[in-house]
């Protein structure tokens, strides 16, 4: 038996082509609209708590070129990928985390 890829790098688990659009969140900069192929390790989660205290979780990716967070359709992301996604922090993402 030989390990081919860790879960976060397993393109059989999750892979999709997405455009950096900045959709879903106010951005500091402008999206570059480049087309990317992302996998499970690229999916980040963001939490938003509204005034009533209810929290929603959104999933997306951070463009490596312009740094914009683009929200993905949650229905297109398998539960396994959602469960292993790291929380997005715009300050940490600028450092490459």
C-alpha atoms as a PDB file:
ATOM      1  CA  UNK A   1       0.000   0.000   0.000  1.00  0.00           C
ATOM      2  CA  UNK A   2       1.237   3.482  -0.886  1.00  0.00           C
ATOM      3  CA  UNK A   3      -0.157   6.835   0.223  1.00  0.00           C
ATOM      4  CA  UNK A   4      -0.945   8.937  -2.830  1.00  0.00           C
ATOM      5  CA  UNK A   5      -2.309  12.094  -1.153  1.00  0.00           C
ATOM      6  CA  UNK A   6      -3.304  13.399   2.246  1.00  0.00           C
ATOM      7  CA  UNK A   7      -7.017  14.159   2.643  1.00  0.00           C
ATOM      8  CA  UNK A   8      -6.632  17.898   2.053  1.00  0.00           C
ATOM      9  CA  UNK A   9      -4.691  17.245  -1.182  1.00  0.00           C
ATOM     10  CA  UNK A  10      -6.924  14.430  -2.444  1.00  0.00           C
ATOM     11  CA  UNK A  11      -8.424  15.769  -5.664  1.00  0.00           C
ATOM     12  CA  UNK A  12     -10.735  12.730  -5.766  1.00  0.00           C
ATOM     13  CA  UNK A  13     -12.350  14.038  -2.557  1.00  0.00           C
ATOM     14  CA  UNK A  14     -12.991  17.522  -3.901  1.00  0.00           C
ATOM     15  CA  UNK A  15     -11.915  19.624  -6.844  1.00  0.00           C
ATOM     16  CA  UNK A  16     -13.637  22.470  -8.661  1.00  0.00           C
ATOM     17  CA  UNK A  17     -12.895  25.387 -10.970  1.00  0.00           C
ATOM     18  CA  UNK A  18     -13.851  28.785  -9.580  1.00  0.00           C
ATOM     19  CA  UNK A  19     -13.362  32.416 -10.526  1.00  0.00           C
ATOM     20  CA  UNK A  20     -12.014  34.959  -8.065  1.00  0.00           C
ATOM     21  CA  UNK A  21     -15.017  37.294  -7.897  1.00  0.00           C
ATOM     22  CA  UNK A  22     -15.028  38.523  -4.300  1.00  0.00           C
ATOM     23  CA  UNK A  23     -18.669  37.372  -4.159  1.00  0.00           C
ATOM     24  CA  UNK A  24     -20.270  37.330  -0.755  1.00  0.00           C
ATOM     25  CA  UNK A  25     -18.045  39.652   1.273  1.00  0.00           C
ATOM     26  CA  UNK A  26     -16.933  43.256   1.277  1.00  0.00           C
ATOM     27  CA  UNK A  27     -13.287  43.238   0.179  1.00  0.00           C
ATOM     28  CA  UNK A  28     -10.432  45.588   0.952  1.00  0.00           C
ATOM     29  CA  UNK A  29      -9.180  45.183  -2.607  1.00  0.00           C
ATOM     30  CA  UNK A  30     -10.665  44.340  -5.973  1.00  0.00           C
ATOM     31  CA  UNK A  31     -11.017  40.757  -7.228  1.00  0.00           C
ATOM     32  CA  UNK A  32      -8.801  39.742 -10.153  1.00  0.00           C
ATOM     33  CA  UNK A  33     -11.368  37.419 -11.831  1.00  0.00           C
ATOM     34  CA  UNK A  34      -8.747  34.739 -12.509  1.00  0.00           C
ATOM     35  CA  UNK A  35      -9.919  31.139 -12.901  1.00  0.00           C
ATOM     36  CA  UNK A  36      -8.559  28.682 -10.331  1.00  0.00           C
ATOM     37  CA  UNK A  37      -8.802  24.972  -9.694  1.00  0.00           C
ATOM     38  CA  UNK A  38      -9.189  24.483  -5.958  1.00  0.00           C
ATOM     39  CA  UNK A  39      -9.166  21.388  -3.769  1.00  0.00           C
ATOM     40  CA  UNK A  40     -10.134  20.613  -0.172  1.00  0.00           C
ATOM     41  CA  UNK A  41      -7.137  22.391   1.357  1.00  0.00           C
ATOM     42  CA  UNK A  42      -8.151  25.659  -0.332  1.00  0.00           C
ATOM     43  CA  UNK A  43     -11.627  25.817   1.237  1.00  0.00           C
ATOM     44  CA  UNK A  44     -11.889  28.191   4.195  1.00  0.00           C
ATOM     45  CA  UNK A  45     -14.836  28.868   6.491  1.00  0.00           C
ATOM     46  CA  UNK A  46     -16.083  32.241   7.741  1.00  0.00           C
ATOM     47  CA  UNK A  47     -18.568  32.733  10.529  1.00  0.00           C
ATOM     48  CA  UNK A  48     -21.024  35.591  10.836  1.00  0.00           C
ATOM     49  CA  UNK A  49     -23.093  36.216  13.952  1.00  0.00           C
ATOM     50  CA  UNK A  50     -26.034  38.545  13.481  1.00  0.00           C
ATOM     51  CA  UNK A  51     -27.574  40.900  16.008  1.00  0.00           C
ATOM     52  CA  UNK A  52     -29.936  38.177  17.284  1.00  0.00           C
ATOM     53  CA  UNK A  53     -26.976  35.907  18.074  1.00  0.00           C
ATOM     54  CA  UNK A  54     -27.522  33.430  15.246  1.00  0.00           C
ATOM     55  CA  UNK A  55     -24.329  32.290  13.552  1.00  0.00           C
ATOM     56  CA  UNK A  56     -24.039  31.309   9.895  1.00  0.00           C
ATOM     57  CA  UNK A  57     -21.023  29.609   8.360  1.00  0.00           C
ATOM     58  CA  UNK A  58     -19.919  30.443   4.828  1.00  0.00           C
ATOM     59  CA  UNK A  59     -17.321  28.609   2.750  1.00  0.00           C
ATOM     60  CA  UNK A  60     -15.008  30.009   0.144  1.00  0.00           C
ATOM     61  CA  UNK A  61     -11.431  30.356  -1.023  1.00  0.00           C
ATOM     62  CA  UNK A  62      -8.803  33.071  -0.852  1.00  0.00           C
ATOM     63  CA  UNK A  63      -7.286  34.070  -4.171  1.00  0.00           C
ATOM     64  CA  UNK A  64      -3.496  33.648  -4.024  1.00  0.00           C
ATOM     65  CA  UNK A  65      -3.048  36.569  -6.417  1.00  0.00           C
ATOM     66  CA  UNK A  66      -5.250  39.366  -5.048  1.00  0.00           C
ATOM     67  CA  UNK A  67      -6.207  38.016  -1.592  1.00  0.00           C
ATOM     68  CA  UNK A  68      -9.980  38.334  -2.081  1.00  0.00           C
ATOM     69  CA  UNK A  69     -12.249  35.848  -0.313  1.00  0.00           C
ATOM     70  CA  UNK A  70     -14.821  34.432  -2.745  1.00  0.00           C
ATOM     71  CA  UNK A  71     -17.801  32.609  -1.293  1.00  0.00           C
ATOM     72  CA  UNK A  72     -18.688  29.190  -2.732  1.00  0.00           C
ATOM     73  CA  UNK A  73     -22.106  27.563  -2.896  1.00  0.00           C
ATOM     74  CA  UNK A  74     -22.279  25.482   0.273  1.00  0.00           C
ATOM     75  CA  UNK A  75     -24.305  22.812  -1.555  1.00  0.00           C
ATOM     76  CA  UNK A  76     -21.349  22.172  -3.888  1.00  0.00           C
ATOM     77  CA  UNK A  77     -18.967  21.335  -1.026  1.00  0.00           C
ATOM     78  CA  UNK A  78     -18.980  17.831   0.488  1.00  0.00           C
ATOM     79  CA  UNK A  79     -19.487  17.602   4.251  1.00  0.00           C
ATOM     80  CA  UNK A  80     -16.023  16.020   4.641  1.00  0.00           C
ATOM     81  CA  UNK A  81     -14.460  19.128   3.103  1.00  0.00           C
ATOM     82  CA  UNK A  82     -16.552  21.470   5.258  1.00  0.00           C
ATOM     83  CA  UNK A  83     -15.500  19.578   8.381  1.00  0.00           C
ATOM     84  CA  UNK A  84     -11.793  19.901   7.577  1.00  0.00           C
ATOM     85  CA  UNK A  85     -11.865  23.533   6.404  1.00  0.00           C
ATOM     86  CA  UNK A  86      -9.768  26.005   8.338  1.00  0.00           C
ATOM     87  CA  UNK A  87     -11.282  29.245   9.537  1.00  0.00           C
ATOM     88  CA  UNK A  88     -10.508  32.247   7.366  1.00  0.00           C
ATOM     89  CA  UNK A  89      -8.666  35.114   8.990  1.00  0.00           C
ATOM     90  CA  UNK A  90      -7.712  37.870   6.578  1.00  0.00           C
ATOM     91  CA  UNK A  91      -4.620  38.785   8.582  1.00  0.00           C
ATOM     92  CA  UNK A  92      -3.345  35.199   8.785  1.00  0.00           C
ATOM     93  CA  UNK A  93      -4.116  34.551   5.099  1.00  0.00           C
ATOM     94  CA  UNK A  94      -1.787  37.381   4.103  1.00  0.00           C
ATOM     95  CA  UNK A  95       0.983  35.479   5.849  1.00  0.00           C
ATOM     96  CA  UNK A  96       0.228  32.385   3.777  1.00  0.00           C
ATOM     97  CA  UNK A  97      -1.780  30.365   6.352  1.00  0.00           C
END
